[in-house]
């Protein structure tokens, strides 16, 4: 912990602030949770806009923003805002900001099929760039090690996340890993997950609004000591407190339609890296 953190009680850099918001989110009032979710989804607004503008965009009163900052140990909003500003020194503009710029540049129109392709291709490129910069390498290594150590790998992803789960199950089997896809056919999700032990691993993929089946299986697995790798979207995901390793993906979205470009890229990365790991000479 930084000296400033220990002396004043507030996080002194963005990563610590982000972790603090995530850890406290569940115990906050509904209004403060609303601010927390806005702050993590819009860090550039938090860094650059006035308290009145941020409050209006978050749908709260300015006094609530000040209370939010004080809850985290800061003297006021401006003290917290300085930490958000430090993030801009060495980080690229947020993915959301890039998409807003894309819409502004092109008038936000999807006039023909070629225009649809152009929008989704460009959004996917930005999502992949964001993935490359934002996912910590040490977390990737931890995820691969977790999968390498497992006797069996269970994979769960519902709704939009199901294609990713299917891909994991398919490719892991080609690596000679015993992989089980929890597909929930016939309402058998919990029964399919019942065979997991602490010698296995669970890959759980879920994005907002978070499939309740996935969250419930993760809760059960965590209580049984099963190592969990979560692929999710934000630090406020209900999966993160339950997992051994979590990887956050901010995928492409155009006009409310979300793709899986970055998520599938991450899945391929993990599978190929695991294959290379398994090829290492055993001592």
Protein backbone atom coordinates (compact mmCIF):
# COMPACT_ATOMS: atom_id res chain seq x y z
CA UNK A 1 0.00 0.00 0.00
CA UNK A 2 1.22 3.50 -0.82
CA UNK A 3 2.24 5.78 2.05
CA UNK A 4 -0.55 8.12 1.04
CA UNK A 5 -3.05 5.26 1.19
CA UNK A 6 -2.04 4.29 4.71
CA UNK A 7 -1.89 7.82 6.08
CA UNK A 8 -5.10 9.24 4.58
CA UNK A 9 -7.14 6.14 4.01
CA UNK A 10 -8.08 6.80 0.38
CA UNK A 11 -6.76 4.95 -2.70
CA UNK A 12 -3.97 6.95 -4.34
CA UNK A 13 -4.03 5.41 -7.82
CA UNK A 14 -6.75 4.29 -10.19
CA UNK A 15 -6.19 0.55 -9.84
CA UNK A 16 -6.58 0.76 -6.06
CA UNK A 17 -9.59 3.05 -6.39
CA UNK A 18 -11.19 0.63 -8.83
CA UNK A 19 -10.57 -2.30 -6.49
CA UNK A 20 -11.95 -0.34 -3.52
CA UNK A 21 -15.14 0.57 -5.40
CA UNK A 22 -15.56 -3.06 -6.42
CA UNK A 23 -15.07 -4.42 -2.90
CA UNK A 24 -17.46 -1.91 -1.31
CA UNK A 25 -20.15 -1.99 -4.00
CA UNK A 26 -22.28 -4.66 -2.35
CA UNK A 27 -22.49 -2.77 0.96
CA UNK A 28 -23.31 0.63 -0.56
CA UNK A 29 -26.75 2.19 -0.68
CA UNK A 30 -28.62 1.91 -3.97
CA UNK A 31 -27.76 5.52 -4.86
CA UNK A 32 -24.04 5.04 -4.17
CA UNK A 33 -24.09 1.79 -6.15
CA UNK A 34 -25.53 3.78 -9.06
CA UNK A 35 -22.61 6.20 -8.83
CA UNK A 36 -20.08 3.36 -8.52
CA UNK A 37 -21.41 1.71 -11.68
CA UNK A 38 -21.33 5.00 -13.57
CA UNK A 39 -17.83 5.82 -12.37
CA UNK A 40 -16.31 2.53 -13.50
CA UNK A 41 -18.16 2.60 -16.81
CA UNK A 42 -17.23 6.24 -17.51
CA UNK A 43 -13.80 6.94 -15.96
CA UNK A 44 -13.01 9.69 -18.47
CA UNK A 45 -16.14 11.60 -17.50
CA UNK A 46 -15.14 11.25 -13.85
CA UNK A 47 -11.72 12.66 -14.69
CA UNK A 48 -12.69 15.56 -16.92
CA UNK A 49 -16.22 16.76 -16.18
CA UNK A 50 -17.48 19.01 -13.40
CA UNK A 51 -19.30 17.55 -10.43
CA UNK A 52 -22.57 19.00 -11.76
CA UNK A 53 -22.11 17.40 -15.19
CA UNK A 54 -21.16 14.01 -13.74
CA UNK A 55 -24.12 14.13 -11.38
CA UNK A 56 -26.52 14.91 -14.22
CA UNK A 57 -25.18 12.10 -16.40
CA UNK A 58 -25.23 9.63 -13.51
CA UNK A 59 -28.77 10.65 -12.57
CA UNK A 60 -27.90 11.76 -9.02
CA UNK A 61 -27.48 14.94 -7.01
CA UNK A 62 -24.00 16.55 -6.73
CA UNK A 63 -24.18 16.01 -2.98
CA UNK A 64 -24.40 12.24 -3.61
CA UNK A 65 -21.14 12.36 -5.56
CA UNK A 66 -19.46 14.14 -2.67
CA UNK A 67 -20.83 11.55 -0.25
CA UNK A 68 -19.56 8.80 -2.55
CA UNK A 69 -16.05 10.29 -2.51
CA UNK A 70 -16.08 10.62 1.27
CA UNK A 71 -17.22 7.01 1.62
CA UNK A 72 -14.01 6.02 -0.14
CA UNK A 73 -11.90 8.15 2.22
CA UNK A 74 -11.48 11.32 0.15
CA UNK A 75 -12.06 14.83 1.42
CA UNK A 76 -14.40 15.57 -1.48
CA UNK A 77 -15.12 14.98 -5.15
CA UNK A 78 -12.11 16.92 -6.44
CA UNK A 79 -9.72 14.74 -4.40
CA UNK A 80 -11.20 11.61 -5.93
CA UNK A 81 -11.26 13.18 -9.38
CA UNK A 82 -7.48 13.68 -9.28
CA UNK A 83 -7.07 9.90 -9.07
CA UNK A 84 -9.29 9.41 -12.12
CA UNK A 85 -7.17 11.99 -13.93
CA UNK A 86 -3.97 10.06 -13.26
CA UNK A 87 -5.47 7.23 -15.32
CA UNK A 88 -5.43 9.44 -18.42
CA UNK A 89 -1.68 10.01 -18.25
CA UNK A 90 -0.70 6.57 -19.52
CA UNK A 91 -3.91 5.01 -20.80
CA UNK A 92 -5.69 5.26 -24.14
CA UNK A 93 -9.18 6.77 -24.34
CA UNK A 94 -11.88 4.44 -23.10
CA UNK A 95 -13.62 2.10 -25.50
CA UNK A 96 -16.93 3.88 -24.93
CA UNK A 97 -15.34 7.20 -25.82
CA UNK A 98 -13.94 5.75 -29.04
CA UNK A 99 -17.37 4.44 -30.02
CA UNK A 100 -18.96 7.82 -29.30
CA UNK A 101 -16.33 9.41 -31.51
CA UNK A 102 -17.09 6.85 -34.23
CA UNK A 103 -20.79 7.71 -34.09
CA UNK A 104 -20.02 11.44 -34.18
CA UNK A 105 -17.68 11.08 -37.17
CA UNK A 106 -20.20 9.08 -39.19
CA UNK A 107 -23.37 10.66 -37.97
CA UNK A 108 -24.29 7.49 -36.10
CA UNK A 109 -25.98 6.13 -39.24
CA UNK A 110 -26.14 2.53 -40.39
CA UNK A 111 -27.57 3.28 -43.80
CA UNK A 112 -26.63 0.15 -45.74
CA UNK A 113 -25.11 -3.30 -45.35
CA UNK A 114 -21.60 -2.04 -46.04
CA UNK A 115 -22.09 0.62 -43.38
CA UNK A 116 -23.16 -2.01 -40.85
CA UNK A 117 -20.04 -4.05 -41.62
CA UNK A 118 -17.84 -0.98 -41.37
CA UNK A 119 -19.26 -0.01 -37.99
CA UNK A 120 -18.94 -3.47 -36.47
CA UNK A 121 -15.46 -4.04 -37.92
CA UNK A 122 -14.23 -0.72 -36.55
CA UNK A 123 -15.83 -1.31 -33.15
CA UNK A 124 -14.26 -4.78 -33.04
CA UNK A 125 -10.82 -3.36 -33.82
CA UNK A 126 -11.15 -0.88 -30.97
CA UNK A 127 -12.30 -3.65 -28.61
CA UNK A 128 -9.28 -5.79 -29.53
CA UNK A 129 -6.92 -2.86 -28.97
CA UNK A 130 -8.52 -2.26 -25.59
CA UNK A 131 -8.18 -5.95 -24.69
CA UNK A 132 -4.49 -5.98 -25.57
CA UNK A 133 -3.77 -2.97 -23.39
CA UNK A 134 -6.03 -3.58 -20.42
CA UNK A 135 -5.78 -7.29 -19.57
CA UNK A 136 -2.81 -7.79 -17.20
CA UNK A 137 -0.27 -10.33 -18.42
CA UNK A 138 0.12 -11.76 -14.94
CA UNK A 139 -3.61 -12.54 -14.85
CA UNK A 140 -3.36 -14.33 -18.19
CA UNK A 141 -0.52 -16.44 -16.79
CA UNK A 142 -2.54 -17.23 -13.67
CA UNK A 143 -5.51 -18.28 -15.79
CA UNK A 144 -3.41 -20.64 -17.90
CA UNK A 145 -1.76 -22.13 -14.81
CA UNK A 146 -5.17 -22.72 -13.23
CA UNK A 147 -6.35 -24.63 -16.30
CA UNK A 148 -3.11 -26.57 -16.57
CA UNK A 149 -3.34 -27.79 -12.97
CA UNK A 150 -6.95 -28.96 -13.20
CA UNK A 151 -7.88 -32.63 -13.50
CA UNK A 152 -11.05 -31.67 -15.37
CA UNK A 153 -12.33 -28.35 -16.69
CA UNK A 154 -16.01 -27.44 -16.48
CA UNK A 155 -17.22 -24.61 -18.71
CA UNK A 156 -20.35 -22.51 -18.22
CA UNK A 157 -21.77 -19.64 -20.24
CA UNK A 158 -25.43 -18.87 -20.81
CA UNK A 159 -27.21 -16.75 -23.42
CA UNK A 160 -24.73 -14.45 -25.21
CA UNK A 161 -21.80 -16.15 -23.48
CA UNK A 162 -22.78 -19.65 -24.64
CA UNK A 163 -20.76 -19.58 -27.90
CA UNK A 164 -17.63 -18.81 -25.91
CA UNK A 165 -18.28 -21.67 -23.49
CA UNK A 166 -18.88 -24.03 -26.41
CA UNK A 167 -15.62 -22.99 -28.00
CA UNK A 168 -13.70 -23.61 -24.79
CA UNK A 169 -15.18 -27.08 -24.38
CA UNK A 170 -14.45 -27.98 -28.00
CA UNK A 171 -10.86 -26.74 -28.09
CA UNK A 172 -9.89 -27.97 -24.62
CA UNK A 173 -10.90 -31.48 -25.65
CA UNK A 174 -8.54 -31.20 -28.61
CA UNK A 175 -5.72 -30.46 -26.15
CA UNK A 176 -6.45 -33.74 -24.40
CA UNK A 177 -8.10 -32.02 -21.44
CA UNK A 178 -11.24 -33.53 -19.94
CA UNK A 179 -13.70 -30.72 -20.58
CA UNK A 180 -17.38 -30.64 -19.60
CA UNK A 181 -19.79 -28.11 -21.08
CA UNK A 182 -22.51 -27.19 -18.58
CA UNK A 183 -25.22 -26.36 -21.09
CA UNK A 184 -28.24 -26.59 -18.79
CA UNK A 185 -30.30 -28.70 -21.19
CA UNK A 186 -33.55 -29.72 -19.54
CA UNK A 187 -32.93 -27.38 -16.61
CA UNK A 188 -30.05 -29.58 -15.41
CA UNK A 189 -27.47 -26.84 -14.83
CA UNK A 190 -26.82 -27.54 -11.15
CA UNK A 191 -26.88 -31.30 -11.68
CA UNK A 192 -24.29 -31.02 -14.45
CA UNK A 193 -22.06 -28.95 -12.17
CA UNK A 194 -22.40 -31.31 -9.22
CA UNK A 195 -19.38 -33.42 -10.18
CA UNK A 196 -16.85 -30.62 -9.70
CA UNK A 197 -14.18 -31.03 -7.01
CA UNK A 198 -11.36 -28.87 -5.74
CA UNK A 199 -9.01 -30.72 -8.11
CA UNK A 200 -10.96 -29.40 -11.11
CA UNK A 201 -11.51 -25.90 -12.52
CA UNK A 202 -14.53 -23.94 -13.67
CA UNK A 203 -14.49 -21.42 -16.52
CA UNK A 204 -17.49 -19.11 -16.07
CA UNK A 205 -18.38 -16.55 -18.73
CA UNK A 206 -21.06 -13.95 -18.03
CA UNK A 207 -21.81 -10.34 -18.91
CA UNK A 208 -24.32 -7.83 -17.63
CA UNK A 209 -27.15 -8.51 -16.79
CA UNK A 210 -25.36 -11.73 -15.66
CA UNK A 211 -27.11 -15.06 -16.04
CA UNK A 212 -28.40 -16.12 -12.58
CA UNK A 213 -27.58 -19.77 -13.36
CA UNK A 214 -23.93 -18.87 -13.89
CA UNK A 215 -23.74 -16.86 -10.68
CA UNK A 216 -25.37 -19.66 -8.69
CA UNK A 217 -23.02 -22.33 -10.04
CA UNK A 218 -20.04 -20.08 -9.20
CA UNK A 219 -21.31 -19.61 -5.64
CA UNK A 220 -21.65 -23.36 -5.19
CA UNK A 221 -18.24 -24.03 -6.75
CA UNK A 222 -16.57 -21.41 -4.56
CA UNK A 223 -18.03 -23.00 -1.41
CA UNK A 224 -16.60 -26.35 -2.54
CA UNK A 225 -13.16 -24.87 -3.10
CA UNK A 226 -13.24 -25.27 -6.89
CA UNK A 227 -10.81 -22.87 -8.63
CA UNK A 228 -12.79 -20.53 -10.88
CA UNK A 229 -11.67 -18.54 -13.92
CA UNK A 230 -14.21 -15.82 -14.72
CA UNK A 231 -14.46 -13.99 -18.02
CA UNK A 232 -16.73 -11.02 -17.44
CA UNK A 233 -17.17 -7.35 -18.21
CA UNK A 234 -16.60 -5.08 -15.18
CA UNK A 235 -15.08 -5.02 -11.72
CA UNK A 236 -18.63 -4.95 -10.34
CA UNK A 237 -19.53 -8.34 -11.84
CA UNK A 238 -20.98 -10.68 -9.17
CA UNK A 239 -18.58 -13.38 -10.40
CA UNK A 240 -15.39 -11.59 -9.37
CA UNK A 241 -15.62 -12.06 -5.56
CA UNK A 242 -16.12 -15.80 -6.14
CA UNK A 243 -13.20 -16.44 -8.48
CA UNK A 244 -9.53 -17.36 -8.31
CA UNK A 245 -8.73 -15.39 -11.47
CA UNK A 246 -10.91 -12.93 -13.38
CA UNK A 247 -10.37 -11.43 -16.83
CA UNK A 248 -12.47 -8.43 -17.83
CA UNK A 249 -13.45 -7.86 -21.46
CA UNK A 250 -15.05 -4.72 -22.87
CA UNK A 251 -16.44 -6.03 -26.12
CA UNK A 252 -17.68 -4.26 -29.25
CA UNK A 253 -21.13 -2.72 -29.24
CA UNK A 254 -22.89 -0.73 -31.94
CA UNK A 255 -26.42 0.62 -31.50
CA UNK A 256 -27.06 -1.84 -28.68
CA UNK A 257 -25.86 -4.89 -30.65
CA UNK A 258 -22.92 -6.53 -28.86
CA UNK A 259 -20.38 -8.74 -30.57
CA UNK A 260 -17.94 -11.26 -29.10
CA UNK A 261 -14.84 -10.18 -31.02
CA UNK A 262 -12.61 -9.48 -28.03
CA UNK A 263 -14.06 -12.27 -25.89
CA UNK A 264 -13.38 -14.91 -28.54
CA UNK A 265 -9.89 -13.51 -29.05
CA UNK A 266 -9.27 -13.93 -25.32
CA UNK A 267 -10.61 -17.50 -25.44
CA UNK A 268 -8.31 -18.41 -28.35
CA UNK A 269 -5.39 -16.83 -26.49
CA UNK A 270 -6.00 -18.90 -23.37
CA UNK A 271 -6.38 -22.15 -25.29
CA UNK A 272 -3.23 -21.64 -27.40
CA UNK A 273 -1.22 -20.50 -24.36
CA UNK A 274 -2.42 -23.57 -22.45
CA UNK A 275 -1.35 -25.79 -25.34
CA UNK A 276 2.12 -24.29 -25.26
CA UNK A 277 2.24 -24.73 -21.47
CA UNK A 278 1.32 -28.41 -21.75
CA UNK A 279 4.09 -28.96 -24.31
CA UNK A 280 6.76 -27.87 -21.86
CA UNK A 281 9.16 -30.67 -20.80
CA UNK A 282 8.13 -32.17 -17.48
CA UNK A 283 10.84 -32.45 -14.86
